[in-house]
Amino acid sequence: MPSNLNYDPKLLEQAKALGNFKYKTDAVNAALTEYIQRHQQPKIIELFGKIEYEKDYDYKKARTRKS
């Protein structure tokens, strides 16, 4: 979906260079993804103390790889 955005060309070029992106679209999509992820991170704090695990759950056993 084409869109007309008013953006700072210097910022976009810097984002392309830092992210090693070939296309502007890739840089913008990566930036939007990171922005959304960073702003959703505080929501995870709301889960602290609310998730209950089974008392016999062995997290160390779950970490071992089965070959």
PDB file of N, CA and C in Angstrom:
ATOM      1  N   MET A   1       0.853  -1.165   0.000  1.00  0.00           N
ATOM      2  CA  MET A   1       0.000   0.000   0.000  1.00  0.00           C
ATOM      3  C   MET A   1       0.901   1.230   0.000  1.00  0.00           C
ATOM      4  N   PRO A   2       0.929   1.965  -1.064  1.00  0.00           N
ATOM      5  CA  PRO A   2       1.755   3.171  -1.141  1.00  0.00           C
ATOM      6  C   PRO A   2       1.309   4.217  -0.130  1.00  0.00           C
ATOM      7  N   SER A   3       2.266   4.957   0.351  1.00  0.00           N
ATOM      8  CA  SER A   3       1.967   5.988   1.342  1.00  0.00           C
ATOM      9  C   SER A   3       2.923   7.149   1.151  1.00  0.00           C
ATOM     10  N   ASN A   4       2.444   8.326   1.409  1.00  0.00           N
ATOM     11  CA  ASN A   4       3.299   9.512   1.368  1.00  0.00           C
ATOM     12  C   ASN A   4       3.669   9.871   2.794  1.00  0.00           C
ATOM     13  N   LEU A   5       4.935   9.705   3.112  1.00  0.00           N
ATOM     14  CA  LEU A   5       5.421  10.018   4.450  1.00  0.00           C
ATOM     15  C   LEU A   5       6.395  11.176   4.383  1.00  0.00           C
ATOM     16  N   ASN A   6       6.309  12.034   5.367  1.00  0.00           N
ATOM     17  CA  ASN A   6       7.266  13.117   5.488  1.00  0.00           C
ATOM     18  C   ASN A   6       8.287  12.675   6.532  1.00  0.00           C
ATOM     19  N   TYR A   7       9.472  12.300   6.098  1.00  0.00           N
ATOM     20  CA  TYR A   7      10.494  11.789   6.999  1.00  0.00           C
ATOM     21  C   TYR A   7      11.791  12.550   6.790  1.00  0.00           C
ATOM     22  N   ASP A   8      12.660  12.420   7.759  1.00  0.00           N
ATOM     23  CA  ASP A   8      13.970  13.048   7.690  1.00  0.00           C
ATOM     24  C   ASP A   8      14.892  12.134   6.869  1.00  0.00           C
ATOM     25  N   PRO A   9      15.287  12.553   5.683  1.00  0.00           N
ATOM     26  CA  PRO A   9      16.115  11.695   4.827  1.00  0.00           C
ATOM     27  C   PRO A   9      17.444  11.304   5.474  1.00  0.00           C
ATOM     28  N   LYS A  10      17.999  12.178   6.300  1.00  0.00           N
ATOM     29  CA  LYS A  10      19.258  11.859   6.974  1.00  0.00           C
ATOM     30  C   LYS A  10      19.071  10.706   7.956  1.00  0.00           C
ATOM     31  N   LEU A  11      17.937  10.729   8.680  1.00  0.00           N
ATOM     32  CA  LEU A  11      17.655   9.635   9.613  1.00  0.00           C
ATOM     33  C   LEU A  11      17.472   8.314   8.877  1.00  0.00           C
ATOM     34  N   LEU A  12      16.781   8.365   7.774  1.00  0.00           N
ATOM     35  CA  LEU A  12      16.540   7.138   7.007  1.00  0.00           C
ATOM     36  C   LEU A  12      17.845   6.582   6.446  1.00  0.00           C
ATOM     37  N   GLU A  13      18.691   7.436   5.935  1.00  0.00           N
ATOM     38  CA  GLU A  13      19.981   6.976   5.419  1.00  0.00           C
ATOM     39  C   GLU A  13      20.844   6.396   6.536  1.00  0.00           C
ATOM     40  N   GLN A  14      20.783   7.011   7.700  1.00  0.00           N
ATOM     41  CA  GLN A  14      21.553   6.503   8.836  1.00  0.00           C
ATOM     42  C   GLN A  14      21.016   5.138   9.264  1.00  0.00           C
ATOM     43  N   ALA A  15      19.696   4.976   9.285  1.00  0.00           N
ATOM     44  CA  ALA A  15      19.085   3.690   9.640  1.00  0.00           C
ATOM     45  C   ALA A  15      19.466   2.617   8.618  1.00  0.00           C
ATOM     46  N   LYS A  16      19.466   2.981   7.339  1.00  0.00           N
ATOM     47  CA  LYS A  16      19.867   2.025   6.297  1.00  0.00           C
ATOM     48  C   LYS A  16      21.319   1.589   6.500  1.00  0.00           C
ATOM     49  N   ALA A  17      22.176   2.537   6.809  1.00  0.00           N
ATOM     50  CA  ALA A  17      23.590   2.221   6.991  1.00  0.00           C
ATOM     51  C   ALA A  17      23.809   1.361   8.238  1.00  0.00           C
ATOM     52  N   LEU A  18      23.192   1.743   9.345  1.00  0.00           N
ATOM     53  CA  LEU A  18      23.368   0.996  10.592  1.00  0.00           C
ATOM     54  C   LEU A  18      22.826  -0.423  10.493  1.00  0.00           C
ATOM     55  N   GLY A  19      21.693  -0.569   9.813  1.00  0.00           N
ATOM     56  CA  GLY A  19      21.081  -1.882   9.686  1.00  0.00           C
ATOM     57  C   GLY A  19      21.544  -2.656   8.469  1.00  0.00           C
ATOM     58  N   ASN A  20      22.423  -2.039   7.692  1.00  0.00           N
ATOM     59  CA  ASN A  20      22.927  -2.659   6.472  1.00  0.00           C
ATOM     60  C   ASN A  20      21.770  -3.062   5.544  1.00  0.00           C
ATOM     61  N   PHE A  21      20.801  -2.152   5.400  1.00  0.00           N
ATOM     62  CA  PHE A  21      19.645  -2.388   4.546  1.00  0.00           C
ATOM     63  C   PHE A  21      19.924  -1.836   3.154  1.00  0.00           C
ATOM     64  N   LYS A  22      19.445  -2.556   2.165  1.00  0.00           N
ATOM     65  CA  LYS A  22      19.591  -2.108   0.788  1.00  0.00           C
ATOM     66  C   LYS A  22      18.461  -1.154   0.405  1.00  0.00           C
ATOM     67  N   TYR A  23      17.268  -1.426   0.944  1.00  0.00           N
ATOM     68  CA  TYR A  23      16.089  -0.650   0.575  1.00  0.00           C
ATOM     69  C   TYR A  23      15.551   0.152   1.756  1.00  0.00           C
ATOM     70  N   LYS A  24      14.987   1.304   1.444  1.00  0.00           N
ATOM     71  CA  LYS A  24      14.383   2.160   2.462  1.00  0.00           C
ATOM     72  C   LYS A  24      13.250   1.425   3.177  1.00  0.00           C
ATOM     73  N   THR A  25      12.457   0.675   2.412  1.00  0.00           N
ATOM     74  CA  THR A  25      11.321  -0.044   2.985  1.00  0.00           C
ATOM     75  C   THR A  25      11.770  -1.004   4.079  1.00  0.00           C
ATOM     76  N   ASP A  26      12.879  -1.696   3.855  1.00  0.00           N
ATOM     77  CA  ASP A  26      13.388  -2.635   4.859  1.00  0.00           C
ATOM     78  C   ASP A  26      13.795  -1.904   6.137  1.00  0.00           C
ATOM     79  N   ALA A  27      14.426  -0.753   5.986  1.00  0.00           N
ATOM     80  CA  ALA A  27      14.845   0.028   7.149  1.00  0.00           C
ATOM     81  C   ALA A  27      13.632   0.532   7.925  1.00  0.00           C
ATOM     82  N   VAL A  28      12.629   1.018   7.224  1.00  0.00           N
ATOM     83  CA  VAL A  28      11.422   1.535   7.883  1.00  0.00           C
ATOM     84  C   VAL A  28      10.689   0.404   8.597  1.00  0.00           C
ATOM     85  N   ASN A  29      10.540  -0.746   7.932  1.00  0.00           N
ATOM     86  CA  ASN A  29       9.852  -1.873   8.564  1.00  0.00           C
ATOM     87  C   ASN A  29      10.590  -2.368   9.800  1.00  0.00           C
ATOM     88  N   ALA A  30      11.906  -2.432   9.733  1.00  0.00           N
ATOM     89  CA  ALA A  30      12.693  -2.854  10.890  1.00  0.00           C
ATOM     90  C   ALA A  30      12.541  -1.855  12.034  1.00  0.00           C
ATOM     91  N   ALA A  31      12.557  -0.580  11.706  1.00  0.00           N
ATOM     92  CA  ALA A  31      12.414   0.452  12.738  1.00  0.00           C
ATOM     93  C   ALA A  31      11.040   0.385  13.388  1.00  0.00           C
ATOM     94  N   LEU A  32      10.004   0.188  12.596  1.00  0.00           N
ATOM     95  CA  LEU A  32       8.652   0.088  13.156  1.00  0.00           C
ATOM     96  C   LEU A  32       8.513  -1.146  14.029  1.00  0.00           C
ATOM     97  N   THR A  33       9.082  -2.255  13.589  1.00  0.00           N
ATOM     98  CA  THR A  33       9.033  -3.489  14.379  1.00  0.00           C
ATOM     99  C   THR A  33       9.723  -3.295  15.723  1.00  0.00           C
ATOM    100  N   GLU A  34      10.906  -2.705  15.699  1.00  0.00           N
ATOM    101  CA  GLU A  34      11.637  -2.473  16.950  1.00  0.00           C
ATOM    102  C   GLU A  34      10.884  -1.502  17.859  1.00  0.00           C
ATOM    103  N   TYR A  35      10.297  -0.474  17.288  1.00  0.00           N
ATOM    104  CA  TYR A  35       9.524   0.503  18.066  1.00  0.00           C
ATOM    105  C   TYR A  35       8.367  -0.181  18.784  1.00  0.00           C
ATOM    106  N   ILE A  36       7.648  -1.009  18.063  1.00  0.00           N
ATOM    107  CA  ILE A  36       6.500  -1.706  18.654  1.00  0.00           C
ATOM    108  C   ILE A  36       6.957  -2.660  19.745  1.00  0.00           C
ATOM    109  N   GLN A  37       8.009  -3.428  19.486  1.00  0.00           N
ATOM    110  CA  GLN A  37       8.513  -4.370  20.485  1.00  0.00           C
ATOM    111  C   GLN A  37       8.965  -3.656  21.753  1.00  0.00           C
ATOM    112  N   ARG A  38       9.671  -2.558  21.597  1.00  0.00           N
ATOM    113  CA  ARG A  38      10.158  -1.822  22.770  1.00  0.00           C
ATOM    114  C   ARG A  38       9.021  -1.238  23.601  1.00  0.00           C
ATOM    115  N   HIS A  39       7.963  -0.811  22.939  1.00  0.00           N
ATOM    116  CA  HIS A  39       6.849  -0.221  23.676  1.00  0.00           C
ATOM    117  C   HIS A  39       5.909  -1.273  24.255  1.00  0.00           C
ATOM    118  N   GLN A  40       6.019  -2.509  23.801  1.00  0.00           N
ATOM    119  CA  GLN A  40       5.211  -3.574  24.376  1.00  0.00           C
ATOM    120  C   GLN A  40       5.934  -4.270  25.531  1.00  0.00           C
ATOM    121  N   GLN A  41       7.228  -4.092  25.662  1.00  0.00           N
ATOM    122  CA  GLN A  41       8.003  -4.759  26.702  1.00  0.00           C
ATOM    123  C   GLN A  41       7.500  -4.495  28.117  1.00  0.00           C
ATOM    124  N   PRO A  42       7.112  -3.274  28.464  1.00  0.00           N
ATOM    125  CA  PRO A  42       6.651  -3.046  29.839  1.00  0.00           C
ATOM    126  C   PRO A  42       5.414  -3.879  30.214  1.00  0.00           C
ATOM    127  N   LYS A  43       4.661  -4.320  29.227  1.00  0.00           N
ATOM    128  CA  LYS A  43       3.479  -5.127  29.522  1.00  0.00           C
ATOM    129  C   LYS A  43       3.841  -6.465  30.158  1.00  0.00           C
ATOM    130  N   ILE A  44       5.041  -6.971  29.885  1.00  0.00           N
ATOM    131  CA  ILE A  44       5.453  -8.256  30.439  1.00  0.00           C
ATOM    132  C   ILE A  44       5.588  -8.162  31.960  1.00  0.00           C
ATOM    133  N   ILE A  45       5.909  -6.984  32.458  1.00  0.00           N
ATOM    134  CA  ILE A  45       6.060  -6.790  33.902  1.00  0.00           C
ATOM    135  C   ILE A  45       4.741  -7.072  34.619  1.00  0.00           C
ATOM    136  N   GLU A  46       3.639  -6.797  33.958  1.00  0.00           N
ATOM    137  CA  GLU A  46       2.333  -7.057  34.557  1.00  0.00           C
ATOM    138  C   GLU A  46       2.112  -8.540  34.841  1.00  0.00           C
ATOM    139  N   LEU A  47       2.848  -9.417  34.168  1.00  0.00           N
ATOM    140  CA  LEU A  47       2.686 -10.855  34.362  1.00  0.00           C
ATOM    141  C   LEU A  47       3.474 -11.386  35.558  1.00  0.00           C
ATOM    142  N   PHE A  48       4.416 -10.596  36.067  1.00  0.00           N
ATOM    143  CA  PHE A  48       5.227 -11.061  37.196  1.00  0.00           C
ATOM    144  C   PHE A  48       4.329 -11.425  38.367  1.00  0.00           C
ATOM    145  N   GLY A  49       4.527 -12.641  38.868  1.00  0.00           N
ATOM    146  CA  GLY A  49       3.755 -13.113  40.011  1.00  0.00           C
ATOM    147  C   GLY A  49       2.383 -13.639  39.647  1.00  0.00           C
ATOM    148  N   LYS A  50       2.012 -13.601  38.383  1.00  0.00           N
ATOM    149  CA  LYS A  50       0.691 -14.062  37.983  1.00  0.00           C
ATOM    150  C   LYS A  50       0.718 -15.429  37.307  1.00  0.00           C
ATOM    151  N   ILE A  51       1.889 -15.868  36.902  1.00  0.00           N
ATOM    152  CA  ILE A  51       2.004 -17.165  36.242  1.00  0.00           C
ATOM    153  C   ILE A  51       2.361 -18.202  37.297  1.00  0.00           C
ATOM    154  N   GLU A  52       1.539 -19.220  37.397  1.00  0.00           N
ATOM    155  CA  GLU A  52       1.779 -20.280  38.373  1.00  0.00           C
ATOM    156  C   GLU A  52       2.278 -21.524  37.644  1.00  0.00           C
ATOM    157  N   TYR A  53       3.316 -22.100  38.193  1.00  0.00           N
ATOM    158  CA  TYR A  53       3.880 -23.317  37.630  1.00  0.00           C
ATOM    159  C   TYR A  53       3.494 -24.493  38.517  1.00  0.00           C
ATOM    160  N   GLU A  54       3.488 -25.678  37.927  1.00  0.00           N
ATOM    161  CA  GLU A  54       3.220 -26.872  38.711  1.00  0.00           C
ATOM    162  C   GLU A  54       4.372 -27.058  39.685  1.00  0.00           C
ATOM    163  N   LYS A  55       4.057 -27.493  40.879  1.00  0.00           N
ATOM    164  CA  LYS A  55       5.080 -27.622  41.924  1.00  0.00           C
ATOM    165  C   LYS A  55       6.145 -28.653  41.564  1.00  0.00           C
ATOM    166  N   ASP A  56       5.790 -29.669  40.781  1.00  0.00           N
ATOM    167  CA  ASP A  56       6.761 -30.698  40.419  1.00  0.00           C
ATOM    168  C   ASP A  56       7.454 -30.419  39.076  1.00  0.00           C
ATOM    169  N   TYR A  57       7.307 -29.225  38.548  1.00  0.00           N
ATOM    170  CA  TYR A  57       7.943 -28.860  37.282  1.00  0.00           C
ATOM    171  C   TYR A  57       9.449 -28.752  37.481  1.00  0.00           C
ATOM    172  N   ASP A  58      10.208 -29.466  36.667  1.00  0.00           N
ATOM    173  CA  ASP A  58      11.660 -29.472  36.756  1.00  0.00           C
ATOM    174  C   ASP A  58      12.240 -28.688  35.572  1.00  0.00           C
ATOM    175  N   TYR A  59      12.532 -27.423  35.783  1.00  0.00           N
ATOM    176  CA  TYR A  59      13.014 -26.579  34.695  1.00  0.00           C
ATOM    177  C   TYR A  59      14.381 -27.030  34.195  1.00  0.00           C
ATOM    178  N   LYS A  60      15.203 -27.627  35.060  1.00  0.00           N
ATOM    179  CA  LYS A  60      16.510 -28.084  34.614  1.00  0.00           C
ATOM    180  C   LYS A  60      16.362 -29.268  33.661  1.00  0.00           C
ATOM    181  N   LYS A  61      15.419 -30.129  33.934  1.00  0.00           N
ATOM    182  CA  LYS A  61      15.191 -31.275  33.058  1.00  0.00           C
ATOM    183  C   LYS A  61      14.663 -30.798  31.705  1.00  0.00           C
ATOM    184  N   ALA A  62      13.856 -29.769  31.703  1.00  0.00           N
ATOM    185  CA  ALA A  62      13.293 -29.235  30.464  1.00  0.00           C
ATOM    186  C   ALA A  62      14.365 -28.584  29.589  1.00  0.00           C
ATOM    187  N   ARG A  63      15.455 -28.179  30.181  1.00  0.00           N
ATOM    188  CA  ARG A  63      16.528 -27.518  29.427  1.00  0.00           C
ATOM    189  C   ARG A  63      17.396 -28.509  28.651  1.00  0.00           C
ATOM    190  N   THR A  64      17.430 -29.759  29.080  1.00  0.00           N
ATOM    191  CA  THR A  64      18.312 -30.716  28.427  1.00  0.00           C
ATOM    192  C   THR A  64      17.807 -31.032  27.035  1.00  0.00           C
ATOM    193  N   ARG A  65      18.752 -31.170  26.146  1.00  0.00           N
ATOM    194  CA  ARG A  65      18.426 -31.478  24.755  1.00  0.00           C
ATOM    195  C   ARG A  65      18.345 -32.981  24.582  1.00  0.00           C
ATOM    196  N   LYS A  66      17.389 -33.391  23.800  1.00  0.00           N
ATOM    197  CA  LYS A  66      17.271 -34.810  23.476  1.00  0.00           C
ATOM    198  C   LYS A  66      17.845 -35.016  22.092  1.00  0.00           C
ATOM    199  N   SER A  67      18.841 -35.880  21.992  1.00  0.00           N
ATOM    200  CA  SER A  67      19.506 -36.131  20.708  1.00  0.00           C
ATOM    201  C   SER A  67      18.861 -37.254  19.971  1.00  0.00           C
TER     202      SER A  67
END
